[in-house]
Protein backbone atom coordinates (compact mmCIF):
# COMPACT_ATOMS: atom_id res chain seq x y z
CA UNK A 1 0.00 0.00 0.00
CA UNK A 2 2.81 2.39 0.88
CA UNK A 3 4.42 1.82 -2.53
CA UNK A 4 1.13 2.61 -4.28
CA UNK A 5 0.76 5.78 -2.22
CA UNK A 6 4.34 6.84 -2.94
CA UNK A 7 3.77 6.25 -6.65
CA UNK A 8 0.65 8.43 -6.55
CA UNK A 9 2.51 11.16 -4.63
CA UNK A 10 5.30 11.07 -7.22
CA UNK A 11 2.66 11.75 -9.90
CA UNK A 12 1.46 14.80 -7.99
CA UNK A 13 -1.64 13.30 -6.39
CA UNK A 14 -2.20 14.73 -2.93
CA UNK A 15 -2.80 12.75 0.26
CA UNK A 16 -6.18 14.47 0.56
CA UNK A 17 -7.19 13.37 -2.94
CA UNK A 18 -6.26 9.78 -2.06
CA UNK A 19 -8.24 10.08 1.18
CA UNK A 20 -11.29 11.38 -0.65
CA UNK A 21 -11.08 8.59 -3.22
CA UNK A 22 -10.60 5.90 -0.57
CA UNK A 23 -13.51 7.19 1.51
CA UNK A 24 -15.80 7.31 -1.51
CA UNK A 25 -14.77 3.75 -2.39
CA UNK A 26 -15.52 2.53 1.13
CA UNK A 27 -18.97 4.13 1.02
CA UNK A 28 -19.64 2.58 -2.39
CA UNK A 29 -18.68 -0.88 -1.11
CA UNK A 30 -20.92 -0.51 1.95
CA UNK A 31 -23.83 0.50 -0.27
CA UNK A 32 -23.25 -2.50 -2.55
CA UNK A 33 -23.62 -4.87 0.42
CA UNK A 34 -26.39 -2.84 2.04
CA UNK A 35 -28.43 -1.08 -0.69
CA UNK A 36 -30.94 0.45 1.73
CA UNK A 37 -29.66 3.23 4.01
CA UNK A 38 -29.18 2.14 7.59
CA UNK A 39 -27.00 3.04 10.54
CA UNK A 40 -23.22 3.38 10.33
CA UNK A 41 -21.00 3.49 13.40
CA UNK A 42 -17.59 4.84 12.44
CA UNK A 43 -14.65 4.47 14.84
CA UNK A 44 -11.66 6.37 13.52
CA UNK A 45 -8.06 6.28 14.66
CA UNK A 46 -5.76 9.29 14.67
CA UNK A 47 -4.06 8.82 11.31
CA UNK A 48 -5.02 9.34 7.71
CA UNK A 49 -6.83 5.98 7.53
CA UNK A 50 -9.18 7.43 10.11
CA UNK A 51 -9.76 10.26 7.65
CA UNK A 52 -10.74 7.70 5.00
CA UNK A 53 -13.40 6.44 7.43
CA UNK A 54 -14.70 9.96 8.08
CA UNK A 55 -15.00 10.64 4.35
CA UNK A 56 -16.89 7.35 3.94
CA UNK A 57 -19.26 8.29 6.77
CA UNK A 58 -19.90 11.68 5.16
CA UNK A 59 -20.77 10.02 1.84
CA UNK A 60 -23.12 7.61 3.58
CA UNK A 61 -24.79 10.45 5.50
CA UNK A 62 -25.47 12.28 2.24
CA UNK A 63 -26.99 9.04 0.91
CA UNK A 64 -29.50 8.95 3.77
CA UNK A 65 -27.65 6.85 6.32
CA UNK A 66 -27.64 7.66 10.04
CA UNK A 67 -23.99 8.01 10.97
CA UNK A 68 -22.30 8.05 14.36
CA UNK A 69 -18.63 9.03 14.24
CA UNK A 70 -16.31 8.37 17.16
CA UNK A 71 -12.65 9.35 17.35
CA UNK A 72 -10.42 6.93 19.24
CA UNK A 73 -8.10 9.78 20.23
CA UNK A 74 -8.57 13.43 21.11
CA UNK A 75 -8.84 15.74 18.12
CA UNK A 76 -5.52 17.35 19.11
CA UNK A 77 -3.76 13.98 18.70
CA UNK A 78 -5.16 13.40 15.20
CA UNK A 79 -3.30 14.04 11.95
CA UNK A 80 -3.77 17.45 10.36
CA UNK A 81 -5.50 15.93 7.34
CA UNK A 82 -7.91 13.91 9.49
CA UNK A 83 -8.83 17.04 11.44
CA UNK A 84 -9.83 18.69 8.15
CA UNK A 85 -12.45 15.95 7.70
CA UNK A 86 -14.04 16.32 11.16
């Protein structure tokens, strides 16, 4: 995964763009398994993968899902990019 990210960065793709794409993909996968909106509990760590989860939750919320987002760490301990998605 790190090699794929580094390759994308070398091509000028930003970490935020990757996060947005990953989060949208997660939301799409959830909706494929569960076509009707339901409830999503999102537990996010402090790193950029946690940001992927927050982006996914935002997509699901816009699609009519009830979302509950919980950070596993204080906001101050989270990555700068993750904090942008809160």
